[in-house]
Amino acid sequence: KDAEGNGNNYMSVEFHYYQPWSYAGDCTYD
């Protein structure tokens, strides 16, 4: 909750995306 009454206007959700890890991270797949 934004105590300033901003609602969700000035807020983002962050996630990280190394998907699939078998390709993007540990090279199981070429």
PDB file of all heavy atoms in Angstrom:
ATOM      1  N   LYS A   1       0.843  -1.186   0.000  1.00  0.00           N
ATOM      2  CA  LYS A   1       0.000   0.000   0.000  1.00  0.00           C
ATOM      3  C   LYS A   1       0.880   1.238   0.000  1.00  0.00           C
ATOM      4  O   LYS A   1       1.879   1.297   0.704  1.00  0.00           O
ATOM      5  CB  LYS A   1      -0.924  -0.014   1.213  1.00  0.00           C
ATOM      6  CG  LYS A   1      -1.948  -1.141   1.206  1.00  0.00           C
ATOM      7  CD  LYS A   1      -2.842  -1.087   2.436  1.00  0.00           C
ATOM      8  CE  LYS A   1      -3.867  -2.216   2.422  1.00  0.00           C
ATOM      9  NZ  LYS A   1      -4.729  -2.208   3.621  1.00  0.00           N
ATOM     10  N   ASP A   2       0.495   2.200  -0.780  1.00  0.00           N
ATOM     11  CA  ASP A   2       1.234   3.451  -0.869  1.00  0.00           C
ATOM     12  C   ASP A   2       0.572   4.466   0.048  1.00  0.00           C
ATOM     13  O   ASP A   2      -0.542   4.920  -0.214  1.00  0.00           O
ATOM     14  CB  ASP A   2       1.254   3.945  -2.313  1.00  0.00           C
ATOM     15  CG  ASP A   2       2.240   5.087  -2.540  1.00  0.00           C
ATOM     16  OD1 ASP A   2       2.354   5.963  -1.664  1.00  0.00           O
ATOM     17  OD2 ASP A   2       2.866   5.117  -3.604  1.00  0.00           O
ATOM     18  N   ALA A   3       1.258   4.832   1.123  1.00  0.00           N
ATOM     19  CA  ALA A   3       0.687   5.713   2.138  1.00  0.00           C
ATOM     20  C   ALA A   3       0.375   7.103   1.617  1.00  0.00           C
ATOM     21  O   ALA A   3      -0.391   7.849   2.232  1.00  0.00           O
ATOM     22  CB  ALA A   3       1.629   5.808   3.342  1.00  0.00           C
ATOM     23  N   GLU A   4       0.963   7.476   0.482  1.00  0.00           N
ATOM     24  CA  GLU A   4       0.724   8.802  -0.080  1.00  0.00           C
ATOM     25  C   GLU A   4      -0.520   8.860  -0.952  1.00  0.00           C
ATOM     26  O   GLU A   4      -0.781   9.892  -1.584  1.00  0.00           O
ATOM     27  CB  GLU A   4       1.953   9.261  -0.875  1.00  0.00           C
ATOM     28  CG  GLU A   4       3.177   9.532  -0.013  1.00  0.00           C
ATOM     29  CD  GLU A   4       2.910  10.596   1.040  1.00  0.00           C
ATOM     30  OE1 GLU A   4       2.253  11.612   0.699  1.00  0.00           O
ATOM     31  OE2 GLU A   4       3.348  10.423   2.187  1.00  0.00           O
ATOM     32  N   GLY A   5      -1.256   7.768  -1.011  1.00  0.00           N
ATOM     33  CA  GLY A   5      -2.471   7.765  -1.814  1.00  0.00           C
ATOM     34  C   GLY A   5      -2.231   7.665  -3.306  1.00  0.00           C
ATOM     35  O   GLY A   5      -3.091   8.023  -4.114  1.00  0.00           O
ATOM     36  N   ASN A   6      -1.061   7.163  -3.684  1.00  0.00           N
ATOM     37  CA  ASN A   6      -0.701   7.051  -5.091  1.00  0.00           C
ATOM     38  C   ASN A   6      -1.286   5.815  -5.767  1.00  0.00           C
ATOM     39  O   ASN A   6      -1.158   5.664  -6.980  1.00  0.00           O
ATOM     40  CB  ASN A   6       0.817   7.017  -5.253  1.00  0.00           C
ATOM     41  CG  ASN A   6       1.505   8.284  -4.785  1.00  0.00           C
ATOM     42  OD1 ASN A   6       1.011   9.383  -4.994  1.00  0.00           O
ATOM     43  ND2 ASN A   6       2.644   8.141  -4.119  1.00  0.00           N
ATOM     44  N   GLY A   7      -1.895   4.938  -4.971  1.00  0.00           N
ATOM     45  CA  GLY A   7      -2.345   3.671  -5.532  1.00  0.00           C
ATOM     46  C   GLY A   7      -1.163   2.885  -6.062  1.00  0.00           C
ATOM     47  O   GLY A   7      -0.111   2.817  -5.436  1.00  0.00           O
ATOM     48  N   ASN A   8      -1.317   2.309  -7.247  1.00  0.00           N
ATOM     49  CA  ASN A   8      -0.232   1.570  -7.887  1.00  0.00           C
ATOM     50  C   ASN A   8       0.481   2.387  -8.956  1.00  0.00           C
ATOM     51  O   ASN A   8       1.306   1.842  -9.702  1.00  0.00           O
ATOM     52  CB  ASN A   8      -0.776   0.283  -8.511  1.00  0.00           C
ATOM     53  CG  ASN A   8      -1.331  -0.686  -7.490  1.00  0.00           C
ATOM     54  OD1 ASN A   8      -0.978  -0.642  -6.318  1.00  0.00           O
ATOM     55  ND2 ASN A   8      -2.217  -1.579  -7.923  1.00  0.00           N
ATOM     56  N   ASN A   9       0.199   3.689  -9.018  1.00  0.00           N
ATOM     57  CA  ASN A   9       0.669   4.495 -10.138  1.00  0.00           C
ATOM     58  C   ASN A   9       2.181   4.610 -10.230  1.00  0.00           C
ATOM     59  O   ASN A   9       2.729   4.767 -11.325  1.00  0.00           O
ATOM     60  CB  ASN A   9       0.069   5.897 -10.074  1.00  0.00           C
ATOM     61  CG  ASN A   9      -1.398   5.920 -10.422  1.00  0.00           C
ATOM     62  OD1 ASN A   9      -1.884   5.046 -11.127  1.00  0.00           O
ATOM     63  ND2 ASN A   9      -2.119   6.918  -9.923  1.00  0.00           N
ATOM     64  N   TYR A  10       2.862   4.566  -9.096  1.00  0.00           N
ATOM     65  CA  TYR A  10       4.303   4.784  -9.092  1.00  0.00           C
ATOM     66  C   TYR A  10       5.050   3.584  -8.530  1.00  0.00           C
ATOM     67  O   TYR A  10       6.073   3.727  -7.860  1.00  0.00           O
ATOM     68  CB  TYR A  10       4.642   6.051  -8.311  1.00  0.00           C
ATOM     69  CG  TYR A  10       3.898   7.267  -8.814  1.00  0.00           C
ATOM     70  CD1 TYR A  10       2.880   7.848  -8.062  1.00  0.00           C
ATOM     71  CD2 TYR A  10       4.179   7.817 -10.062  1.00  0.00           C
ATOM     72  CE1 TYR A  10       2.178   8.947  -8.536  1.00  0.00           C
ATOM     73  CE2 TYR A  10       3.490   8.913 -10.544  1.00  0.00           C
ATOM     74  CZ  TYR A  10       2.483   9.469  -9.783  1.00  0.00           C
ATOM     75  OH  TYR A  10       1.793  10.560 -10.265  1.00  0.00           O
ATOM     76  N   MET A  11       4.564   2.411  -8.845  1.00  0.00           N
ATOM     77  CA  MET A  11       5.142   1.187  -8.307  1.00  0.00           C
ATOM     78  C   MET A  11       5.248   0.119  -9.398  1.00  0.00           C
ATOM     79  O   MET A  11       4.354  -0.036 -10.217  1.00  0.00           O
ATOM     80  CB  MET A  11       4.289   0.658  -7.152  1.00  0.00           C
ATOM     81  CG  MET A  11       4.996  -0.298  -6.216  1.00  0.00           C
ATOM     82  SD  MET A  11       3.932  -0.896  -4.869  1.00  0.00           S
ATOM     83  CE  MET A  11       3.041   0.561  -4.405  1.00  0.00           C
ATOM     84  N   SER A  12       6.359  -0.597  -9.402  1.00  0.00           N
ATOM     85  CA  SER A  12       6.563  -1.703 -10.331  1.00  0.00           C
ATOM     86  C   SER A  12       6.880  -2.982  -9.578  1.00  0.00           C
ATOM     87  O   SER A  12       7.387  -2.946  -8.448  1.00  0.00           O
ATOM     88  CB  SER A  12       7.710  -1.417 -11.310  1.00  0.00           C
ATOM     89  OG  SER A  12       7.367  -0.446 -12.267  1.00  0.00           O
ATOM     90  N   VAL A  13       6.616  -4.101 -10.214  1.00  0.00           N
ATOM     91  CA  VAL A  13       7.034  -5.410  -9.731  1.00  0.00           C
ATOM     92  C   VAL A  13       8.252  -5.841 -10.532  1.00  0.00           C
ATOM     93  O   VAL A  13       8.252  -5.754 -11.765  1.00  0.00           O
ATOM     94  CB  VAL A  13       5.914  -6.457  -9.865  1.00  0.00           C
ATOM     95  CG1 VAL A  13       6.401  -7.840  -9.413  1.00  0.00           C
ATOM     96  CG2 VAL A  13       4.683  -6.046  -9.064  1.00  0.00           C
ATOM     97  N   GLU A  14       9.284  -6.287  -9.823  1.00  0.00           N
ATOM     98  CA  GLU A  14      10.504  -6.748 -10.474  1.00  0.00           C
ATOM     99  C   GLU A  14      10.624  -8.264 -10.358  1.00  0.00           C
ATOM    100  O   GLU A  14      10.386  -8.853  -9.313  1.00  0.00           O
ATOM    101  CB  GLU A  14      11.746  -6.110  -9.842  1.00  0.00           C
ATOM    102  CG  GLU A  14      13.063  -6.638 -10.408  1.00  0.00           C
ATOM    103  CD  GLU A  14      14.294  -6.150  -9.659  1.00  0.00           C
ATOM    104  OE1 GLU A  14      14.133  -5.354  -8.710  1.00  0.00           O
ATOM    105  OE2 GLU A  14      15.421  -6.564 -10.034  1.00  0.00           O
ATOM    106  N   PHE A  15      11.005  -8.884 -11.464  1.00  0.00           N
ATOM    107  CA  PHE A  15      11.434 -10.272 -11.434  1.00  0.00           C
ATOM    108  C   PHE A  15      12.634 -10.424 -12.355  1.00  0.00           C
ATOM    109  O   PHE A  15      12.930  -9.548 -13.174  1.00  0.00           O
ATOM    110  CB  PHE A  15      10.298 -11.230 -11.836  1.00  0.00           C
ATOM    111  CG  PHE A  15       9.726 -11.027 -13.212  1.00  0.00           C
ATOM    112  CD1 PHE A  15      10.324 -11.573 -14.337  1.00  0.00           C
ATOM    113  CD2 PHE A  15       8.561 -10.291 -13.391  1.00  0.00           C
ATOM    114  CE1 PHE A  15       9.802 -11.388 -15.600  1.00  0.00           C
ATOM    115  CE2 PHE A  15       8.015 -10.095 -14.656  1.00  0.00           C
ATOM    116  CZ  PHE A  15       8.645 -10.644 -15.765  1.00  0.00           C
ATOM    117  N   HIS A  16      13.353 -11.544 -12.207  1.00  0.00           N
ATOM    118  CA  HIS A  16      14.504 -11.852 -13.045  1.00  0.00           C
ATOM    119  C   HIS A  16      14.153 -13.030 -13.942  1.00  0.00           C
ATOM    120  O   HIS A  16      13.400 -13.923 -13.550  1.00  0.00           O
ATOM    121  CB  HIS A  16      15.727 -12.151 -12.174  1.00  0.00           C
ATOM    122  CG  HIS A  16      16.135 -11.002 -11.316  1.00  0.00           C
ATOM    123  ND1 HIS A  16      17.043 -11.110 -10.266  1.00  0.00           N
ATOM    124  CD2 HIS A  16      15.750  -9.687 -11.329  1.00  0.00           C
ATOM    125  CE1 HIS A  16      17.193  -9.933  -9.693  1.00  0.00           C
ATOM    126  NE2 HIS A  16      16.404  -9.052 -10.317  1.00  0.00           N
ATOM    127  N   TYR A  17      14.692 -13.008 -15.147  1.00  0.00           N
ATOM    128  CA  TYR A  17      14.258 -13.973 -16.138  1.00  0.00           C
ATOM    129  C   TYR A  17      15.454 -14.591 -16.849  1.00  0.00           C
ATOM    130  O   TYR A  17      15.916 -14.081 -17.872  1.00  0.00           O
ATOM    131  CB  TYR A  17      13.308 -13.305 -17.143  1.00  0.00           C
ATOM    132  CG  TYR A  17      12.508 -14.289 -17.974  1.00  0.00           C
ATOM    133  CD1 TYR A  17      11.315 -14.821 -17.498  1.00  0.00           C
ATOM    134  CD2 TYR A  17      12.942 -14.680 -19.223  1.00  0.00           C
ATOM    135  CE1 TYR A  17      10.572 -15.723 -18.247  1.00  0.00           C
ATOM    136  CE2 TYR A  17      12.223 -15.584 -19.990  1.00  0.00           C
ATOM    137  CZ  TYR A  17      11.034 -16.097 -19.490  1.00  0.00           C
ATOM    138  OH  TYR A  17      10.303 -16.994 -20.243  1.00  0.00           O
ATOM    139  N   TYR A  18      15.981 -15.676 -16.312  1.00  0.00           N
ATOM    140  CA  TYR A  18      17.015 -16.468 -16.960  1.00  0.00           C
ATOM    141  C   TYR A  18      16.378 -17.795 -17.359  1.00  0.00           C
ATOM    142  O   TYR A  18      16.756 -18.852 -16.857  1.00  0.00           O
ATOM    143  CB  TYR A  18      18.191 -16.702 -16.019  1.00  0.00           C
ATOM    144  CG  TYR A  18      18.908 -15.449 -15.555  1.00  0.00           C
ATOM    145  CD1 TYR A  18      18.616 -14.875 -14.321  1.00  0.00           C
ATOM    146  CD2 TYR A  18      19.890 -14.852 -16.333  1.00  0.00           C
ATOM    147  CE1 TYR A  18      19.285 -13.747 -13.877  1.00  0.00           C
ATOM    148  CE2 TYR A  18      20.567 -13.718 -15.896  1.00  0.00           C
ATOM    149  CZ  TYR A  18      20.262 -13.168 -14.673  1.00  0.00           C
ATOM    150  OH  TYR A  18      20.934 -12.046 -14.221  1.00  0.00           O
ATOM    151  N   GLN A  19      15.416 -17.718 -18.213  1.00  0.00           N
ATOM    152  CA  GLN A  19      14.594 -18.880 -18.526  1.00  0.00           C
ATOM    153  C   GLN A  19      14.701 -19.283 -19.991  1.00  0.00           C
ATOM    154  O   GLN A  19      14.679 -18.415 -20.870  1.00  0.00           O
ATOM    155  CB  GLN A  19      13.131 -18.576 -18.188  1.00  0.00           C
ATOM    156  CG  GLN A  19      12.870 -18.230 -16.731  1.00  0.00           C
ATOM    157  CD  GLN A  19      13.221 -19.351 -15.797  1.00  0.00           C
ATOM    158  OE1 GLN A  19      13.069 -20.533 -16.145  1.00  0.00           O
ATOM    159  NE2 GLN A  19      13.691 -19.007 -14.614  1.00  0.00           N
ATOM    160  N   PRO A  20      14.784 -20.606 -20.230  1.00  0.00           N
ATOM    161  CA  PRO A  20      15.000 -21.640 -19.210  1.00  0.00           C
ATOM    162  C   PRO A  20      16.452 -21.643 -18.743  1.00  0.00           C
ATOM    163  O   PRO A  20      17.358 -21.401 -19.552  1.00  0.00           O
ATOM    164  CB  PRO A  20      14.648 -22.932 -19.931  1.00  0.00           C
ATOM    165  CG  PRO A  20      14.965 -22.642 -21.366  1.00  0.00           C
ATOM    166  CD  PRO A  20      14.656 -21.170 -21.571  1.00  0.00           C
ATOM    167  N   TRP A  21      16.684 -21.901 -17.463  1.00  0.00           N
ATOM    168  CA  TRP A  21      18.043 -21.879 -16.916  1.00  0.00           C
ATOM    169  C   TRP A  21      18.936 -22.890 -17.637  1.00  0.00           C
ATOM    170  O   TRP A  21      20.134 -22.650 -17.809  1.00  0.00           O
ATOM    171  CB  TRP A  21      18.030 -22.157 -15.411  1.00  0.00           C
ATOM    172  CG  TRP A  21      19.387 -22.082 -14.778  1.00  0.00           C
ATOM    173  CD1 TRP A  21      20.156 -23.130 -14.344  1.00  0.00           C
ATOM    174  CD2 TRP A  21      20.141 -20.896 -14.524  1.00  0.00           C
ATOM    175  NE1 TRP A  21      21.347 -22.663 -13.839  1.00  0.00           N
ATOM    176  CE2 TRP A  21      21.369 -21.289 -13.937  1.00  0.00           C
ATOM    177  CE3 TRP A  21      19.920 -19.538 -14.732  1.00  0.00           C
ATOM    178  CZ2 TRP A  21      22.340 -20.375 -13.549  1.00  0.00           C
ATOM    179  CZ3 TRP A  21      20.900 -18.627 -14.363  1.00  0.00           C
ATOM    180  CH2 TRP A  21      22.101 -19.059 -13.776  1.00  0.00           C
ATOM    181  N   SER A  22      18.375 -23.981 -18.065  1.00  0.00           N
ATOM    182  CA  SER A  22      19.144 -25.011 -18.758  1.00  0.00           C
ATOM    183  C   SER A  22      19.748 -24.492 -20.064  1.00  0.00           C
ATOM    184  O   SER A  22      20.705 -25.065 -20.576  1.00  0.00           O
ATOM    185  CB  SER A  22      18.269 -26.238 -19.030  1.00  0.00           C
ATOM    186  OG  SER A  22      17.121 -25.879 -19.790  1.00  0.00           O
ATOM    187  N   TYR A  23      19.214 -23.414 -20.578  1.00  0.00           N
ATOM    188  CA  TYR A  23      19.770 -22.766 -21.763  1.00  0.00           C
ATOM    189  C   TYR A  23      20.483 -21.473 -21.405  1.00  0.00           C
ATOM    190  O   TYR A  23      21.633 -21.263 -21.779  1.00  0.00           O
ATOM    191  CB  TYR A  23      18.655 -22.474 -22.774  1.00  0.00           C
ATOM    192  CG  TYR A  23      19.091 -21.588 -23.925  1.00  0.00           C
ATOM    193  CD1 TYR A  23      19.836 -22.099 -24.974  1.00  0.00           C
ATOM    194  CD2 TYR A  23      18.753 -20.225 -23.945  1.00  0.00           C
ATOM    195  CE1 TYR A  23      20.233 -21.287 -26.041  1.00  0.00           C
ATOM    196  CE2 TYR A  23      19.133 -19.412 -25.001  1.00  0.00           C
ATOM    197  CZ  TYR A  23      19.886 -19.944 -26.043  1.00  0.00           C
ATOM    198  OH  TYR A  23      20.287 -19.127 -27.084  1.00  0.00           O
ATOM    199  N   ALA A  24      19.828 -20.602 -20.673  1.00  0.00           N
ATOM    200  CA  ALA A  24      20.338 -19.258 -20.422  1.00  0.00           C
ATOM    201  C   ALA A  24      21.406 -19.212 -19.342  1.00  0.00           C
ATOM    202  O   ALA A  24      22.182 -18.253 -19.281  1.00  0.00           O
ATOM    203  CB  ALA A  24      19.202 -18.325 -20.038  1.00  0.00           C
ATOM    204  N   GLY A  25      21.449 -20.238 -18.473  1.00  0.00           N
ATOM    205  CA  GLY A  25      22.349 -20.174 -17.338  1.00  0.00           C
ATOM    206  C   GLY A  25      23.454 -21.209 -17.290  1.00  0.00           C
ATOM    207  O   GLY A  25      24.616 -20.871 -17.100  1.00  0.00           O
ATOM    208  N   ASP A  26      23.101 -22.496 -17.471  1.00  0.00           N
ATOM    209  CA  ASP A  26      24.129 -23.527 -17.274  1.00  0.00           C
ATOM    210  C   ASP A  26      24.499 -24.305 -18.539  1.00  0.00           C
ATOM    211  O   ASP A  26      25.235 -25.295 -18.468  1.00  0.00           O
ATOM    212  CB  ASP A  26      23.714 -24.503 -16.162  1.00  0.00           C
ATOM    213  CG  ASP A  26      22.512 -25.365 -16.517  1.00  0.00           C
ATOM    214  OD1 ASP A  26      22.090 -25.371 -17.694  1.00  0.00           O
ATOM    215  OD2 ASP A  26      21.982 -26.045 -15.612  1.00  0.00           O
ATOM    216  N   CYS A  27      23.991 -23.888 -19.681  1.00  0.00           N
ATOM    217  CA  CYS A  27      24.436 -24.410 -20.978  1.00  0.00           C
ATOM    218  C   CYS A  27      24.152 -25.893 -21.195  1.00  0.00           C
ATOM    219  O   CYS A  27      24.871 -26.573 -21.934  1.00  0.00           O
ATOM    220  CB  CYS A  27      25.939 -24.184 -21.165  1.00  0.00           C
ATOM    221  SG  CYS A  27      26.515 -22.540 -20.866  1.00  0.00           S
ATOM    222  N   THR A  28      23.122 -26.426 -20.572  1.00  0.00           N
ATOM    223  CA  THR A  28      22.734 -27.804 -20.856  1.00  0.00           C
ATOM    224  C   THR A  28      22.333 -27.956 -22.323  1.00  0.00           C
ATOM    225  O   THR A  28      22.609 -28.974 -22.964  1.00  0.00           O
ATOM    226  CB  THR A  28      21.575 -28.234 -19.942  1.00  0.00           C
ATOM    227  OG1 THR A  28      21.974 -28.097 -18.576  1.00  0.00           O
ATOM    228  CG2 THR A  28      21.170 -29.681 -20.214  1.00  0.00           C
ATOM    229  N   TYR A  29      21.671 -26.931 -22.860  1.00  0.00           N
ATOM    230  CA  TYR A  29      21.236 -26.921 -24.249  1.00  0.00           C
ATOM    231  C   TYR A  29      21.970 -25.822 -25.015  1.00  0.00           C
ATOM    232  O   TYR A  29      22.160 -24.717 -24.514  1.00  0.00           O
ATOM    233  CB  TYR A  29      19.729 -26.679 -24.349  1.00  0.00           C
ATOM    234  CG  TYR A  29      18.893 -27.776 -23.723  1.00  0.00           C
ATOM    235  CD1 TYR A  29      18.460 -27.664 -22.403  1.00  0.00           C
ATOM    236  CD2 TYR A  29      18.538 -28.905 -24.445  1.00  0.00           C
ATOM    237  CE1 TYR A  29      17.692 -28.654 -21.822  1.00  0.00           C
ATOM    238  CE2 TYR A  29      17.763 -29.907 -23.875  1.00  0.00           C
ATOM    239  CZ  TYR A  29      17.347 -29.773 -22.567  1.00  0.00           C
ATOM    240  OH  TYR A  29      16.587 -30.757 -21.993  1.00  0.00           O
ATOM    241  N   ASP A  30      22.363 -26.134 -26.258  1.00  0.00           N
ATOM    242  CA  ASP A  30      23.003 -25.143 -27.111  1.00  0.00           C
ATOM    243  C   ASP A  30      21.997 -24.237 -27.808  1.00  0.00           C
ATOM    244  O   ASP A  30      22.351 -23.125 -28.213  1.00  0.00           O
ATOM    245  CB  ASP A  30      23.858 -25.834 -28.179  1.00  0.00           C
ATOM    246  CG  ASP A  30      25.096 -26.483 -27.614  1.00  0.00           C
ATOM    247  OD1 ASP A  30      25.543 -26.068 -26.528  1.00  0.00           O
ATOM    248  OD2 ASP A  30      25.623 -27.406 -28.253  1.00  0.00           O
TER     249      ASP A  30
END
